[in-house]
Amino acid sequence: MDVTNEAGDVPEALRLPSAAELLATTRHDRTPAGSGDAEPDPNLLPCGRDPEAVLEHAAAGESDEHERSCPECQALLRDHSVLDQVTREWAELPVPVPDDLGVRVMRLVRAELHTGRLLPLGEPDEQLTLTESAAARTLRAAVDAEPGVQARSCRIRPYENRAGAAVPGPVTVRLSVGVPYGEPIHALADRLRERVRRAASERLGLEVAKVDVDVVGLESAAGDREANR
């Protein structure tokens, strides 16, 4: 049957594709839709499958025909099987426990309790910290410089980000002090706050957002103590 048109050409609807066209079509089918000439996704296997999905399907016994016959998928499953076996063997190896492990742990705990928390200093990308105990000694000394005042304790809480991690920023200070009997406490507390802020800024490079003052004792004035002797 003659299927040519008047010009002697085969109509497009009846023309068989050439080998080059078939090869191009096959390559197109293997390429994810919309990928074009984009670089291959490094998170996918060469065959285009998601490794996590391949592993999940195999674990659930739901691998499809492609995953059962694909060399890349099968190589992934073999490598994962070897890794899983090695991990299990390592987990069963005995781990020697030093006889002085308890002593070491308690030494570290005491050291941590003694130094307190680490206070980040400087810029966010800098690795610079100061122990809470060292900063507290400086601030207590500044408080003790106020006539008649005795610093009892000083706790410093670092600035924290949304994740709860300590980062550079304004800290919060809580003081417990003994003050002279008869001294106006409100005015004295304001002076102590100013001393703490100035010492933190000038000596430690710390910005203080808040200073809480707990008056835990009323001390007799020096003159009164001498008269009572």
C-alpha atoms as a PDB file:
ATOM      1  CA  MET A   1       0.000   0.000   0.000  1.00  0.00           C
ATOM      2  CA  ASP A   2       1.367   3.400  -0.957  1.00  0.00           C
ATOM      3  CA  VAL A   3       1.367   5.754   2.072  1.00  0.00           C
ATOM      4  CA  THR A   4       3.291   8.605   0.488  1.00  0.00           C
ATOM      5  CA  ASN A   5       1.673  11.933  -0.206  1.00  0.00           C
ATOM      6  CA  GLU A   6       1.726  13.818  -3.457  1.00  0.00           C
ATOM      7  CA  ALA A   7       5.267  15.079  -2.730  1.00  0.00           C
ATOM      8  CA  GLY A   8       6.478  11.516  -2.159  1.00  0.00           C
ATOM      9  CA  ASP A   9       6.939  11.934   1.640  1.00  0.00           C
ATOM     10  CA  VAL A  10       5.536   9.680   4.345  1.00  0.00           C
ATOM     11  CA  PRO A  11       2.907  11.458   6.494  1.00  0.00           C
ATOM     12  CA  GLU A  12       4.175  12.313  10.030  1.00  0.00           C
ATOM     13  CA  ALA A  13       1.504  10.161  11.709  1.00  0.00           C
ATOM     14  CA  LEU A  14       2.647   7.033   9.832  1.00  0.00           C
ATOM     15  CA  ARG A  15       6.445   7.597   9.831  1.00  0.00           C
ATOM     16  CA  LEU A  16       8.521   5.231  12.014  1.00  0.00           C
ATOM     17  CA  PRO A  17      11.033   6.985  14.315  1.00  0.00           C
ATOM     18  CA  SER A  18      14.720   6.711  13.522  1.00  0.00           C
ATOM     19  CA  ALA A  19      17.254   5.030  15.824  1.00  0.00           C
ATOM     20  CA  ALA A  20      18.582   8.427  16.951  1.00  0.00           C
ATOM     21  CA  GLU A  21      15.073   9.550  17.862  1.00  0.00           C
ATOM     22  CA  LEU A  22      14.411   6.356  19.820  1.00  0.00           C
ATOM     23  CA  LEU A  23      17.661   6.796  21.790  1.00  0.00           C
ATOM     24  CA  ALA A  24      16.839  10.415  22.564  1.00  0.00           C
ATOM     25  CA  THR A  25      13.360   9.401  23.736  1.00  0.00           C
ATOM     26  CA  THR A  26      14.792   6.711  26.018  1.00  0.00           C
ATOM     27  CA  ARG A  27      17.220   9.178  27.609  1.00  0.00           C
ATOM     28  CA  HIS A  28      14.408  11.655  28.129  1.00  0.00           C
ATOM     29  CA  ASP A  29      12.315   9.010  29.934  1.00  0.00           C
ATOM     30  CA  ARG A  30      15.167   8.332  32.360  1.00  0.00           C
ATOM     31  CA  THR A  31      15.626  11.995  33.231  1.00  0.00           C
ATOM     32  CA  PRO A  32      13.448  13.365  36.076  1.00  0.00           C
ATOM     33  CA  ALA A  33      10.774  15.725  34.829  1.00  0.00           C
ATOM     34  CA  GLY A  34      11.871  19.329  34.675  1.00  0.00           C
ATOM     35  CA  SER A  35      15.540  18.532  35.228  1.00  0.00           C
ATOM     36  CA  GLY A  36      16.754  19.589  31.747  1.00  0.00           C
ATOM     37  CA  ASP A  37      20.508  20.021  31.773  1.00  0.00           C
ATOM     38  CA  ALA A  38      20.641  20.541  35.563  1.00  0.00           C
ATOM     39  CA  GLU A  39      23.340  18.848  37.571  1.00  0.00           C
ATOM     40  CA  PRO A  40      22.302  15.498  39.126  1.00  0.00           C
ATOM     41  CA  ASP A  41      21.083  15.671  42.714  1.00  0.00           C
ATOM     42  CA  PRO A  42      23.982  14.451  44.929  1.00  0.00           C
ATOM     43  CA  ASN A  43      21.442  13.190  47.467  1.00  0.00           C
ATOM     44  CA  LEU A  44      20.010  10.681  45.000  1.00  0.00           C
ATOM     45  CA  LEU A  45      21.424   7.465  43.595  1.00  0.00           C
ATOM     46  CA  PRO A  46      22.636   7.504  39.952  1.00  0.00           C
ATOM     47  CA  CYS A  47      19.369   5.816  39.042  1.00  0.00           C
ATOM     48  CA  GLY A  48      17.429   8.733  40.535  1.00  0.00           C
ATOM     49  CA  ARG A  49      16.093   6.930  43.599  1.00  0.00           C
ATOM     50  CA  ASP A  50      16.213   8.333  47.150  1.00  0.00           C
ATOM     51  CA  PRO A  51      18.604   6.140  49.225  1.00  0.00           C
ATOM     52  CA  GLU A  52      16.498   6.500  52.371  1.00  0.00           C
ATOM     53  CA  ALA A  53      13.389   5.380  50.515  1.00  0.00           C
ATOM     54  CA  VAL A  54      15.205   2.368  49.050  1.00  0.00           C
ATOM     55  CA  LEU A  55      16.393   1.308  52.511  1.00  0.00           C
ATOM     56  CA  GLU A  56      12.945   1.815  54.047  1.00  0.00           C
ATOM     57  CA  HIS A  57      11.281  -0.235  51.318  1.00  0.00           C
ATOM     58  CA  ALA A  58      13.788  -3.068  51.774  1.00  0.00           C
ATOM     59  CA  ALA A  59      13.354  -3.077  55.558  1.00  0.00           C
ATOM     60  CA  ALA A  60       9.575  -3.296  55.163  1.00  0.00           C
ATOM     61  CA  GLY A  61       9.805  -5.923  52.402  1.00  0.00           C
ATOM     62  CA  GLU A  62       8.168  -3.529  49.939  1.00  0.00           C
ATOM     63  CA  SER A  63      10.929  -3.122  47.316  1.00  0.00           C
ATOM     64  CA  ASP A  64       9.535  -2.607  43.830  1.00  0.00           C
ATOM     65  CA  GLU A  65      10.779  -4.202  40.607  1.00  0.00           C
ATOM     66  CA  HIS A  66      13.229  -1.374  39.928  1.00  0.00           C
ATOM     67  CA  GLU A  67      14.848  -1.598  43.377  1.00  0.00           C
ATOM     68  CA  ARG A  68      15.138  -5.401  43.126  1.00  0.00           C
ATOM     69  CA  SER A  69      16.875  -5.279  39.724  1.00  0.00           C
ATOM     70  CA  CYS A  70      18.736  -1.933  39.785  1.00  0.00           C
ATOM     71  CA  PRO A  71      22.536  -2.311  40.303  1.00  0.00           C
ATOM     72  CA  GLU A  72      22.759   1.007  42.177  1.00  0.00           C
ATOM     73  CA  CYS A  73      19.916   0.142  44.558  1.00  0.00           C
ATOM     74  CA  GLN A  74      21.307  -3.334  45.199  1.00  0.00           C
ATOM     75  CA  ALA A  75      24.809  -1.962  45.836  1.00  0.00           C
ATOM     76  CA  LEU A  76      23.326   0.447  48.397  1.00  0.00           C
ATOM     77  CA  LEU A  77      21.541  -2.410  50.163  1.00  0.00           C
ATOM     78  CA  ARG A  78      24.715  -4.543  50.250  1.00  0.00           C
ATOM     79  CA  ASP A  79      26.797  -1.677  51.680  1.00  0.00           C
ATOM     80  CA  HIS A  80      24.155  -0.962  54.293  1.00  0.00           C
ATOM     81  CA  SER A  81      24.014  -4.634  55.265  1.00  0.00           C
ATOM     82  CA  VAL A  82      27.794  -4.734  55.795  1.00  0.00           C
ATOM     83  CA  LEU A  83      27.720  -1.518  57.836  1.00  0.00           C
ATOM     84  CA  ASP A  84      24.861  -2.828  59.952  1.00  0.00           C
ATOM     85  CA  GLN A  85      26.733  -6.068  60.637  1.00  0.00           C
ATOM     86  CA  VAL A  86      29.930  -4.243  61.644  1.00  0.00           C
ATOM     87  CA  THR A  87      27.949  -1.920  63.928  1.00  0.00           C
ATOM     88  CA  ARG A  88      26.322  -4.873  65.659  1.00  0.00           C
ATOM     89  CA  GLU A  89      29.699  -6.576  66.157  1.00  0.00           C
ATOM     90  CA  TRP A  90      31.222  -3.416  67.625  1.00  0.00           C
ATOM     91  CA  ALA A  91      28.255  -2.996  69.965  1.00  0.00           C
ATOM     92  CA  GLU A  92      28.927  -6.468  71.407  1.00  0.00           C
ATOM     93  CA  LEU A  93      32.631  -5.820  72.086  1.00  0.00           C
ATOM     94  CA  PRO A  94      33.487  -5.581  75.799  1.00  0.00           C
ATOM     95  CA  VAL A  95      34.435  -2.105  76.999  1.00  0.00           C
ATOM     96  CA  PRO A  96      36.961  -2.033  79.849  1.00  0.00           C
ATOM     97  CA  VAL A  97      35.933   0.237  82.732  1.00  0.00           C
ATOM     98  CA  PRO A  98      38.820   1.881  84.642  1.00  0.00           C
ATOM     99  CA  ASP A  99      38.869   1.139  88.352  1.00  0.00           C
ATOM    100  CA  ASP A 100      39.045   4.850  89.136  1.00  0.00           C
ATOM    101  CA  LEU A 101      36.191   5.873  86.828  1.00  0.00           C
ATOM    102  CA  GLY A 102      34.017   7.023  89.724  1.00  0.00           C
ATOM    103  CA  VAL A 103      36.828   9.133  91.139  1.00  0.00           C
ATOM    104  CA  ARG A 104      37.431  10.766  87.759  1.00  0.00           C
ATOM    105  CA  VAL A 105      33.755  11.574  87.285  1.00  0.00           C
ATOM    106  CA  MET A 106      33.401  13.133  90.740  1.00  0.00           C
ATOM    107  CA  ARG A 107      36.580  15.162  90.201  1.00  0.00           C
ATOM    108  CA  LEU A 108      35.112  16.598  87.012  1.00  0.00           C
ATOM    109  CA  VAL A 109      31.777  17.270  88.711  1.00  0.00           C
ATOM    110  CA  ARG A 110      33.444  19.116  91.587  1.00  0.00           C
ATOM    111  CA  ALA A 111      35.549  21.123  89.160  1.00  0.00           C
ATOM    112  CA  GLU A 112      32.442  22.079  87.182  1.00  0.00           C
ATOM    113  CA  LEU A 113      30.544  23.095  90.303  1.00  0.00           C
ATOM    114  CA  HIS A 114      33.503  25.129  91.513  1.00  0.00           C
ATOM    115  CA  THR A 115      34.010  27.120  88.342  1.00  0.00           C
ATOM    116  CA  GLY A 116      30.326  27.483  87.506  1.00  0.00           C
ATOM    117  CA  ARG A 117      29.075  28.135  84.034  1.00  0.00           C
ATOM    118  CA  LEU A 118      31.073  29.490  81.121  1.00  0.00           C
ATOM    119  CA  LEU A 119      30.225  33.038  80.105  1.00  0.00           C
ATOM    120  CA  PRO A 120      30.787  33.721  76.375  1.00  0.00           C
ATOM    121  CA  LEU A 121      32.621  36.969  75.621  1.00  0.00           C
ATOM    122  CA  GLY A 122      33.303  38.962  72.459  1.00  0.00           C
ATOM    123  CA  GLU A 123      31.564  38.528  69.139  1.00  0.00           C
ATOM    124  CA  PRO A 124      29.251  35.586  68.298  1.00  0.00           C
ATOM    125  CA  ASP A 125      31.880  34.020  66.007  1.00  0.00           C
ATOM    126  CA  GLU A 126      34.682  34.266  68.599  1.00  0.00           C
ATOM    127  CA  GLN A 127      35.647  31.422  70.932  1.00  0.00           C
ATOM    128  CA  LEU A 128      36.248  33.338  74.172  1.00  0.00           C
ATOM    129  CA  THR A 129      34.748  32.407  77.539  1.00  0.00           C
ATOM    130  CA  LEU A 130      35.116  33.349  81.199  1.00  0.00           C
ATOM    131  CA  THR A 131      34.183  31.103  84.116  1.00  0.00           C
ATOM    132  CA  GLU A 132      31.367  32.271  86.327  1.00  0.00           C
ATOM    133  CA  SER A 133      33.527  31.931  89.451  1.00  0.00           C
ATOM    134  CA  ALA A 134      36.223  34.238  88.069  1.00  0.00           C
ATOM    135  CA  ALA A 135      33.668  36.856  87.051  1.00  0.00           C
ATOM    136  CA  ALA A 136      31.884  36.563  90.396  1.00  0.00           C
ATOM    137  CA  ARG A 137      35.096  37.249  92.331  1.00  0.00           C
ATOM    138  CA  THR A 138      35.582  40.468  90.383  1.00  0.00           C
ATOM    139  CA  LEU A 139      32.018  41.625  90.989  1.00  0.00           C
ATOM    140  CA  ARG A 140      32.105  40.719  94.692  1.00  0.00           C
ATOM    141  CA  ALA A 141      35.288  42.777  95.066  1.00  0.00           C
ATOM    142  CA  ALA A 142      33.509  45.749  93.486  1.00  0.00           C
ATOM    143  CA  VAL A 143      30.600  45.332  95.912  1.00  0.00           C
ATOM    144  CA  ASP A 144      32.909  44.999  98.924  1.00  0.00           C
ATOM    145  CA  ALA A 145      34.441  48.365  97.988  1.00  0.00           C
ATOM    146  CA  GLU A 146      31.187  50.016  99.092  1.00  0.00           C
ATOM    147  CA  PRO A 147      31.699  51.076 102.755  1.00  0.00           C
ATOM    148  CA  GLY A 148      30.075  48.696 105.216  1.00  0.00           C
ATOM    149  CA  VAL A 149      28.855  46.226 102.573  1.00  0.00           C
ATOM    150  CA  GLN A 150      29.837  42.541 102.525  1.00  0.00           C
ATOM    151  CA  ALA A 151      29.183  40.483  99.433  1.00  0.00           C
ATOM    152  CA  ARG A 152      27.951  37.002 100.428  1.00  0.00           C
ATOM    153  CA  SER A 153      27.371  35.404  97.033  1.00  0.00           C
ATOM    154  CA  CYS A 154      27.207  36.323  93.370  1.00  0.00           C
ATOM    155  CA  ARG A 155      25.549  34.298  90.609  1.00  0.00           C
ATOM    156  CA  ILE A 156      25.769  35.221  86.932  1.00  0.00           C
ATOM    157  CA  ARG A 157      23.385  33.914  84.315  1.00  0.00           C
ATOM    158  CA  PRO A 158      24.643  34.138  80.705  1.00  0.00           C
ATOM    159  CA  TYR A 159      22.574  35.414  77.830  1.00  0.00           C
ATOM    160  CA  GLU A 160      20.862  32.559  75.976  1.00  0.00           C
ATOM    161  CA  ASN A 161      19.554  32.225  72.436  1.00  0.00           C
ATOM    162  CA  ARG A 162      16.207  30.677  71.500  1.00  0.00           C
ATOM    163  CA  ALA A 163      17.714  27.196  71.692  1.00  0.00           C
ATOM    164  CA  GLY A 164      18.819  27.791  75.296  1.00  0.00           C
ATOM    165  CA  ALA A 165      22.544  27.944  74.486  1.00  0.00           C
ATOM    166  CA  ALA A 166      24.770  30.535  76.154  1.00  0.00           C
ATOM    167  CA  VAL A 167      25.930  33.162  73.650  1.00  0.00           C
ATOM    168  CA  PRO A 168      27.605  36.576  73.925  1.00  0.00           C
ATOM    169  CA  GLY A 169      25.132  39.128  75.238  1.00  0.00           C
ATOM    170  CA  PRO A 170      23.949  40.979  78.361  1.00  0.00           C
ATOM    171  CA  VAL A 171      24.123  38.816  81.491  1.00  0.00           C
ATOM    172  CA  THR A 172      21.964  38.809  84.622  1.00  0.00           C
ATOM    173  CA  VAL A 173      23.621  39.145  88.040  1.00  0.00           C
ATOM    174  CA  ARG A 174      22.140  38.160  91.400  1.00  0.00           C
ATOM    175  CA  LEU A 175      23.881  39.356  94.569  1.00  0.00           C
ATOM    176  CA  SER A 176      23.327  38.528  98.205  1.00  0.00           C
ATOM    177  CA  VAL A 177      24.853  41.089 100.545  1.00  0.00           C
ATOM    178  CA  GLY A 178      25.092  42.232 104.114  1.00  0.00           C
ATOM    179  CA  VAL A 179      24.565  45.975 104.505  1.00  0.00           C
ATOM    180  CA  PRO A 180      25.100  48.442 107.369  1.00  0.00           C
ATOM    181  CA  TYR A 181      22.190  48.771 109.760  1.00  0.00           C
ATOM    182  CA  GLY A 182      20.354  52.064 109.279  1.00  0.00           C
ATOM    183  CA  GLU A 183      21.597  52.610 105.707  1.00  0.00           C
ATOM    184  CA  PRO A 184      18.789  53.485 103.231  1.00  0.00           C
ATOM    185  CA  ILE A 185      18.565  50.172 101.373  1.00  0.00           C
ATOM    186  CA  HIS A 186      17.054  51.430  98.108  1.00  0.00           C
ATOM    187  CA  ALA A 187      19.758  54.023  97.537  1.00  0.00           C
ATOM    188  CA  LEU A 188      22.460  51.554  98.582  1.00  0.00           C
ATOM    189  CA  ALA A 189      21.149  48.897  96.185  1.00  0.00           C
ATOM    190  CA  ASP A 190      21.275  51.406  93.327  1.00  0.00           C
ATOM    191  CA  ARG A 191      24.914  52.173  94.134  1.00  0.00           C
ATOM    192  CA  LEU A 192      25.761  48.472  94.216  1.00  0.00           C
ATOM    193  CA  ARG A 193      24.091  47.936  90.845  1.00  0.00           C
ATOM    194  CA  GLU A 194      26.155  50.743  89.378  1.00  0.00           C
ATOM    195  CA  ARG A 195      29.355  49.283  90.843  1.00  0.00           C
ATOM    196  CA  VAL A 196      28.556  45.868  89.359  1.00  0.00           C
ATOM    197  CA  ARG A 197      27.772  47.248  85.920  1.00  0.00           C
ATOM    198  CA  ARG A 198      30.923  49.372  85.850  1.00  0.00           C
ATOM    199  CA  ALA A 199      33.187  46.528  87.021  1.00  0.00           C
ATOM    200  CA  ALA A 200      31.637  44.083  84.565  1.00  0.00           C
ATOM    201  CA  SER A 201      32.093  46.480  81.658  1.00  0.00           C
ATOM    202  CA  GLU A 202      35.545  47.866  82.462  1.00  0.00           C
ATOM    203  CA  ARG A 203      37.240  44.769  83.890  1.00  0.00           C
ATOM    204  CA  LEU A 204      35.478  41.861  82.216  1.00  0.00           C
ATOM    205  CA  GLY A 205      33.979  43.201  78.991  1.00  0.00           C
ATOM    206  CA  LEU A 206      30.533  42.022  80.071  1.00  0.00           C
ATOM    207  CA  GLU A 207      27.309  43.913  79.513  1.00  0.00           C
ATOM    208  CA  VAL A 208      24.863  43.553  82.404  1.00  0.00           C
ATOM    209  CA  ALA A 209      21.152  43.606  81.666  1.00  0.00           C
ATOM    210  CA  LYS A 210      19.915  43.287  85.244  1.00  0.00           C
ATOM    211  CA  VAL A 211      21.308  43.204  88.774  1.00  0.00           C
ATOM    212  CA  ASP A 212      19.131  41.655  91.501  1.00  0.00           C
ATOM    213  CA  VAL A 213      20.190  42.458  95.072  1.00  0.00           C
ATOM    214  CA  ASP A 214      19.169  40.268  98.027  1.00  0.00           C
ATOM    215  CA  VAL A 215      19.888  41.830 101.410  1.00  0.00           C
ATOM    216  CA  VAL A 216      20.518  38.851 103.676  1.00  0.00           C
ATOM    217  CA  GLY A 217      22.052  40.612 106.680  1.00  0.00           C
ATOM    218  CA  LEU A 218      22.149  43.928 108.483  1.00  0.00           C
ATOM    219  CA  GLU A 219      25.629  44.656 109.792  1.00  0.00           C
ATOM    220  CA  SER A 220      26.381  46.966 112.701  1.00  0.00           C
ATOM    221  CA  ALA A 221      28.379  50.055 111.802  1.00  0.00           C
ATOM    222  CA  ALA A 222      32.051  50.039 112.735  1.00  0.00           C
ATOM    223  CA  GLY A 223      31.504  52.680 115.402  1.00  0.00           C
ATOM    224  CA  ASP A 224      28.718  50.683 117.027  1.00  0.00           C
ATOM    225  CA  ARG A 225      30.885  47.533 117.105  1.00  0.00           C
ATOM    226  CA  GLU A 226      33.683  49.441 118.843  1.00  0.00           C
ATOM    227  CA  ALA A 227      31.268  50.904 121.432  1.00  0.00           C
ATOM    228  CA  ASN A 228      29.875  47.454 122.268  1.00  0.00           C
ATOM    229  CA  ARG A 229      33.280  45.992 123.057  1.00  0.00           C
END
